[in-house]
Amino acid sequence: MNRRTFLELCALFPALAVATRSSGASAGTKLAVIVNAANDVGRLGPGDIEAFFTTRKLDFPSGKRVVAFNFPARHPIRDAFDRAALHLDPDEAARYWIDRRVRGGHPPPRQVPDVKTMVRVVASLEGALGYVRKEDVTDGVRVVAEI
């Protein structure tokens, strides 16, 4: 990375901090695990959610391949999800994926940058699985679990 790129990135951090604080998940915020509205999967239990988002389980019960989506590391909604659903703090989640990469495990869920993109992607892909704050659920997706 050259010096100019580094300085440009440094200039962005204050703006990013403000943006993520305003779109974060507070301790009392309910999270909704969502699938495409056409997906026929029923309610998912905590074990299923953990297995899908740690890529230990790759298919829905119907046999359809799961395409899980995650927010970037240190995103406030992801931090809340990792703590509640995976029982991992941000550092533990990072170590988990590094270990999986080193040992040749399945790659982590794909990342989306924000809530609008998460809802749009899950609504457009039948096998998609994601999560958002409960108040961000819109048409085109269906809630299969609440955390």
C-alpha atoms as a PDB file:
ATOM      1  CA  MET A   1       0.000   0.000   0.000  1.00  0.00           C
ATOM      2  CA  ASN A   2       1.450   3.345  -0.929  1.00  0.00           C
ATOM      3  CA  ARG A   3       1.452   6.381   1.363  1.00  0.00           C
ATOM      4  CA  ARG A   4      -1.343   8.179  -0.488  1.00  0.00           C
ATOM      5  CA  THR A   5      -3.702   5.199  -0.237  1.00  0.00           C
ATOM      6  CA  PHE A   6      -2.884   4.824   3.436  1.00  0.00           C
ATOM      7  CA  LEU A   7      -3.653   8.500   4.128  1.00  0.00           C
ATOM      8  CA  GLU A   8      -6.919   8.291   2.173  1.00  0.00           C
ATOM      9  CA  LEU A   9      -7.995   5.275   4.226  1.00  0.00           C
ATOM     10  CA  CYS A  10      -7.094   7.050   7.460  1.00  0.00           C
ATOM     11  CA  ALA A  11      -9.245   9.983   6.428  1.00  0.00           C
ATOM     12  CA  LEU A  12     -12.234   7.665   5.967  1.00  0.00           C
ATOM     13  CA  PHE A  13     -12.204   6.122   9.451  1.00  0.00           C
ATOM     14  CA  PRO A  14     -13.998   8.961  11.279  1.00  0.00           C
ATOM     15  CA  ALA A  15     -16.766   8.900   8.667  1.00  0.00           C
ATOM     16  CA  LEU A  16     -17.062   5.133   8.916  1.00  0.00           C
ATOM     17  CA  ALA A  17     -17.267   5.289  12.699  1.00  0.00           C
ATOM     18  CA  VAL A  18     -20.195   7.708  12.527  1.00  0.00           C
ATOM     19  CA  ALA A  19     -21.972   5.622   9.870  1.00  0.00           C
ATOM     20  CA  THR A  20     -21.667   2.357  11.779  1.00  0.00           C
ATOM     21  CA  ARG A  21     -22.780   3.882  15.068  1.00  0.00           C
ATOM     22  CA  SER A  22     -26.001   5.097  13.478  1.00  0.00           C
ATOM     23  CA  SER A  23     -26.739   1.703  11.890  1.00  0.00           C
ATOM     24  CA  GLY A  24     -25.657  -0.436  14.814  1.00  0.00           C
ATOM     25  CA  ALA A  25     -27.461  -2.957  16.924  1.00  0.00           C
ATOM     26  CA  SER A  26     -27.966  -2.079  20.547  1.00  0.00           C
ATOM     27  CA  ALA A  27     -28.071  -4.683  23.286  1.00  0.00           C
ATOM     28  CA  GLY A  28     -31.901  -4.780  23.228  1.00  0.00           C
ATOM     29  CA  THR A  29     -32.253  -4.999  19.447  1.00  0.00           C
ATOM     30  CA  LYS A  30     -33.826  -8.190  18.122  1.00  0.00           C
ATOM     31  CA  LEU A  31     -32.152  -9.724  15.100  1.00  0.00           C
ATOM     32  CA  ALA A  32     -34.078 -11.628  12.443  1.00  0.00           C
ATOM     33  CA  VAL A  33     -32.541 -14.470  10.456  1.00  0.00           C
ATOM     34  CA  ILE A  34     -33.985 -14.170   6.961  1.00  0.00           C
ATOM     35  CA  VAL A  35     -34.352 -16.248   3.802  1.00  0.00           C
ATOM     36  CA  ASN A  36     -35.804 -15.557   0.385  1.00  0.00           C
ATOM     37  CA  ALA A  37     -39.603 -15.458   0.539  1.00  0.00           C
ATOM     38  CA  ALA A  38     -39.799 -18.378  -1.953  1.00  0.00           C
ATOM     39  CA  ASN A  39     -37.585 -20.618   0.208  1.00  0.00           C
ATOM     40  CA  ASP A  40     -39.721 -23.324   1.821  1.00  0.00           C
ATOM     41  CA  VAL A  41     -37.473 -23.890   4.857  1.00  0.00           C
ATOM     42  CA  GLY A  42     -39.351 -23.777   8.154  1.00  0.00           C
ATOM     43  CA  ARG A  43     -38.200 -22.199  11.378  1.00  0.00           C
ATOM     44  CA  LEU A  44     -34.495 -22.657  12.117  1.00  0.00           C
ATOM     45  CA  GLY A  45     -33.220 -23.504  15.562  1.00  0.00           C
ATOM     46  CA  PRO A  46     -30.112 -22.067  17.209  1.00  0.00           C
ATOM     47  CA  GLY A  47     -28.049 -25.131  16.276  1.00  0.00           C
ATOM     48  CA  ASP A  48     -28.986 -24.809  12.607  1.00  0.00           C
ATOM     49  CA  ILE A  49     -28.146 -21.118  12.529  1.00  0.00           C
ATOM     50  CA  GLU A  50     -24.769 -21.707  14.159  1.00  0.00           C
ATOM     51  CA  ALA A  51     -24.009 -24.587  11.768  1.00  0.00           C
ATOM     52  CA  PHE A  52     -24.938 -22.587   8.655  1.00  0.00           C
ATOM     53  CA  PHE A  53     -22.965 -19.490   9.636  1.00  0.00           C
ATOM     54  CA  THR A  54     -19.882 -21.497  10.641  1.00  0.00           C
ATOM     55  CA  THR A  55     -20.195 -23.502   7.390  1.00  0.00           C
ATOM     56  CA  ARG A  56     -20.387 -26.822   9.230  1.00  0.00           C
ATOM     57  CA  LYS A  57     -23.752 -27.371   7.520  1.00  0.00           C
ATOM     58  CA  LEU A  58     -24.097 -26.387   3.850  1.00  0.00           C
ATOM     59  CA  ASP A  59     -27.604 -27.453   2.786  1.00  0.00           C
ATOM     60  CA  PHE A  60     -31.151 -26.707   3.897  1.00  0.00           C
ATOM     61  CA  PRO A  61     -33.225 -29.787   4.864  1.00  0.00           C
ATOM     62  CA  SER A  62     -34.752 -29.693   1.351  1.00  0.00           C
ATOM     63  CA  GLY A  63     -31.277 -30.263  -0.108  1.00  0.00           C
ATOM     64  CA  LYS A  64     -31.014 -26.734  -1.489  1.00  0.00           C
ATOM     65  CA  ARG A  65     -27.536 -25.247  -1.018  1.00  0.00           C
ATOM     66  CA  VAL A  66     -27.278 -22.493   1.605  1.00  0.00           C
ATOM     67  CA  VAL A  67     -25.619 -19.256   0.555  1.00  0.00           C
ATOM     68  CA  ALA A  68     -25.015 -17.477   3.857  1.00  0.00           C
ATOM     69  CA  PHE A  69     -24.299 -13.755   3.967  1.00  0.00           C
ATOM     70  CA  ASN A  70     -22.544 -11.860   6.734  1.00  0.00           C
ATOM     71  CA  PHE A  71     -21.683  -8.264   7.484  1.00  0.00           C
ATOM     72  CA  PRO A  72     -17.995  -7.306   7.585  1.00  0.00           C
ATOM     73  CA  ALA A  73     -15.968  -7.929  10.727  1.00  0.00           C
ATOM     74  CA  ARG A  74     -16.515  -5.286  13.429  1.00  0.00           C
ATOM     75  CA  HIS A  75     -19.876  -4.224  11.943  1.00  0.00           C
ATOM     76  CA  PRO A  76     -22.158  -3.634  14.960  1.00  0.00           C
ATOM     77  CA  ILE A  77     -24.937  -5.912  13.679  1.00  0.00           C
ATOM     78  CA  ARG A  78     -22.419  -8.666  12.947  1.00  0.00           C
ATOM     79  CA  ASP A  79     -20.897  -8.292  16.414  1.00  0.00           C
ATOM     80  CA  ALA A  80     -24.361  -8.679  17.958  1.00  0.00           C
ATOM     81  CA  PHE A  81     -25.120 -11.684  15.740  1.00  0.00           C
ATOM     82  CA  ASP A  82     -21.779 -13.398  16.425  1.00  0.00           C
ATOM     83  CA  ARG A  83     -22.265 -12.982  20.176  1.00  0.00           C
ATOM     84  CA  ALA A  84     -25.895 -14.147  20.225  1.00  0.00           C
ATOM     85  CA  ALA A  85     -25.942 -16.869  17.559  1.00  0.00           C
ATOM     86  CA  LEU A  86     -22.354 -18.127  17.431  1.00  0.00           C
ATOM     87  CA  HIS A  87     -21.354 -17.347  21.028  1.00  0.00           C
ATOM     88  CA  LEU A  88     -18.168 -15.660  19.777  1.00  0.00           C
ATOM     89  CA  ASP A  89     -16.824 -12.184  20.457  1.00  0.00           C
ATOM     90  CA  PRO A  90     -15.261 -10.364  17.468  1.00  0.00           C
ATOM     91  CA  ASP A  91     -11.724 -11.587  18.204  1.00  0.00           C
ATOM     92  CA  GLU A  92     -12.887 -15.186  18.657  1.00  0.00           C
ATOM     93  CA  ALA A  93     -14.827 -15.019  15.377  1.00  0.00           C
ATOM     94  CA  ALA A  94     -11.725 -13.745  13.556  1.00  0.00           C
ATOM     95  CA  ARG A  95      -9.602 -16.536  15.034  1.00  0.00           C
ATOM     96  CA  TYR A  96     -12.251 -19.108  14.081  1.00  0.00           C
ATOM     97  CA  TRP A  97     -12.096 -18.121  10.399  1.00  0.00           C
ATOM     98  CA  ILE A  98      -8.306 -17.941  10.375  1.00  0.00           C
ATOM     99  CA  ASP A  99      -8.193 -21.455  11.842  1.00  0.00           C
ATOM    100  CA  ARG A 100     -10.715 -22.720   9.269  1.00  0.00           C
ATOM    101  CA  ARG A 101      -8.655 -21.195   6.446  1.00  0.00           C
ATOM    102  CA  VAL A 102      -5.417 -22.723   7.740  1.00  0.00           C
ATOM    103  CA  ARG A 103      -7.006 -26.156   8.164  1.00  0.00           C
ATOM    104  CA  GLY A 104      -8.640 -26.071   4.736  1.00  0.00           C
ATOM    105  CA  GLY A 105     -12.254 -25.771   5.874  1.00  0.00           C
ATOM    106  CA  HIS A 106     -15.091 -24.244   3.914  1.00  0.00           C
ATOM    107  CA  PRO A 107     -14.773 -20.500   3.315  1.00  0.00           C
ATOM    108  CA  PRO A 108     -16.731 -18.068   5.508  1.00  0.00           C
ATOM    109  CA  PRO A 109     -20.111 -16.667   4.470  1.00  0.00           C
ATOM    110  CA  ARG A 110     -20.013 -14.014   1.788  1.00  0.00           C
ATOM    111  CA  GLN A 111     -19.995 -10.422   2.975  1.00  0.00           C
ATOM    112  CA  VAL A 112     -22.351  -7.557   2.221  1.00  0.00           C
ATOM    113  CA  PRO A 113     -21.562  -3.996   3.279  1.00  0.00           C
ATOM    114  CA  ASP A 114     -24.886  -2.809   4.694  1.00  0.00           C
ATOM    115  CA  VAL A 115     -28.454  -3.661   5.669  1.00  0.00           C
ATOM    116  CA  LYS A 116     -30.071  -2.601   2.385  1.00  0.00           C
ATOM    117  CA  THR A 117     -27.696  -4.806   0.430  1.00  0.00           C
ATOM    118  CA  MET A 118     -28.303  -7.740   2.799  1.00  0.00           C
ATOM    119  CA  VAL A 119     -32.077  -7.548   2.329  1.00  0.00           C
ATOM    120  CA  ARG A 120     -31.781  -7.049  -1.438  1.00  0.00           C
ATOM    121  CA  VAL A 121     -29.385 -10.001  -1.884  1.00  0.00           C
ATOM    122  CA  VAL A 122     -31.418 -12.379   0.286  1.00  0.00           C
ATOM    123  CA  ALA A 123     -34.612 -11.341  -1.535  1.00  0.00           C
ATOM    124  CA  SER A 124     -33.024 -12.085  -4.910  1.00  0.00           C
ATOM    125  CA  LEU A 125     -31.386 -15.488  -4.204  1.00  0.00           C
ATOM    126  CA  GLU A 126     -33.557 -18.462  -3.280  1.00  0.00           C
ATOM    127  CA  GLY A 127     -30.821 -20.200  -1.232  1.00  0.00           C
ATOM    128  CA  ALA A 128     -29.693 -17.051   0.565  1.00  0.00           C
ATOM    129  CA  LEU A 129     -29.560 -16.833   4.346  1.00  0.00           C
ATOM    130  CA  GLY A 130     -28.813 -13.620   6.201  1.00  0.00           C
ATOM    131  CA  TYR A 131     -29.721 -11.550   9.228  1.00  0.00           C
ATOM    132  CA  VAL A 132     -30.799  -7.991   9.958  1.00  0.00           C
ATOM    133  CA  ARG A 133     -32.414  -6.047  12.765  1.00  0.00           C
ATOM    134  CA  LYS A 134     -36.046  -7.070  13.060  1.00  0.00           C
ATOM    135  CA  GLU A 135     -37.231  -3.600  12.017  1.00  0.00           C
ATOM    136  CA  ASP A 136     -35.251  -3.880   8.730  1.00  0.00           C
ATOM    137  CA  VAL A 137     -37.237  -6.883   7.428  1.00  0.00           C
ATOM    138  CA  THR A 138     -39.088  -6.042   4.192  1.00  0.00           C
ATOM    139  CA  ASP A 139     -41.106  -7.787   1.501  1.00  0.00           C
ATOM    140  CA  GLY A 140     -39.179 -10.389  -0.455  1.00  0.00           C
ATOM    141  CA  VAL A 141     -37.656 -12.007   2.644  1.00  0.00           C
ATOM    142  CA  ARG A 142     -39.089 -14.243   5.335  1.00  0.00           C
ATOM    143  CA  VAL A 143     -38.031 -14.508   8.976  1.00  0.00           C
ATOM    144  CA  VAL A 144     -37.031 -18.058   9.980  1.00  0.00           C
ATOM    145  CA  ALA A 145     -35.626 -17.239  13.429  1.00  0.00           C
ATOM    146  CA  GLU A 146     -35.281 -14.391  15.887  1.00  0.00           C
ATOM    147  CA  ILE A 147     -32.274 -13.824  18.060  1.00  0.00           C
END
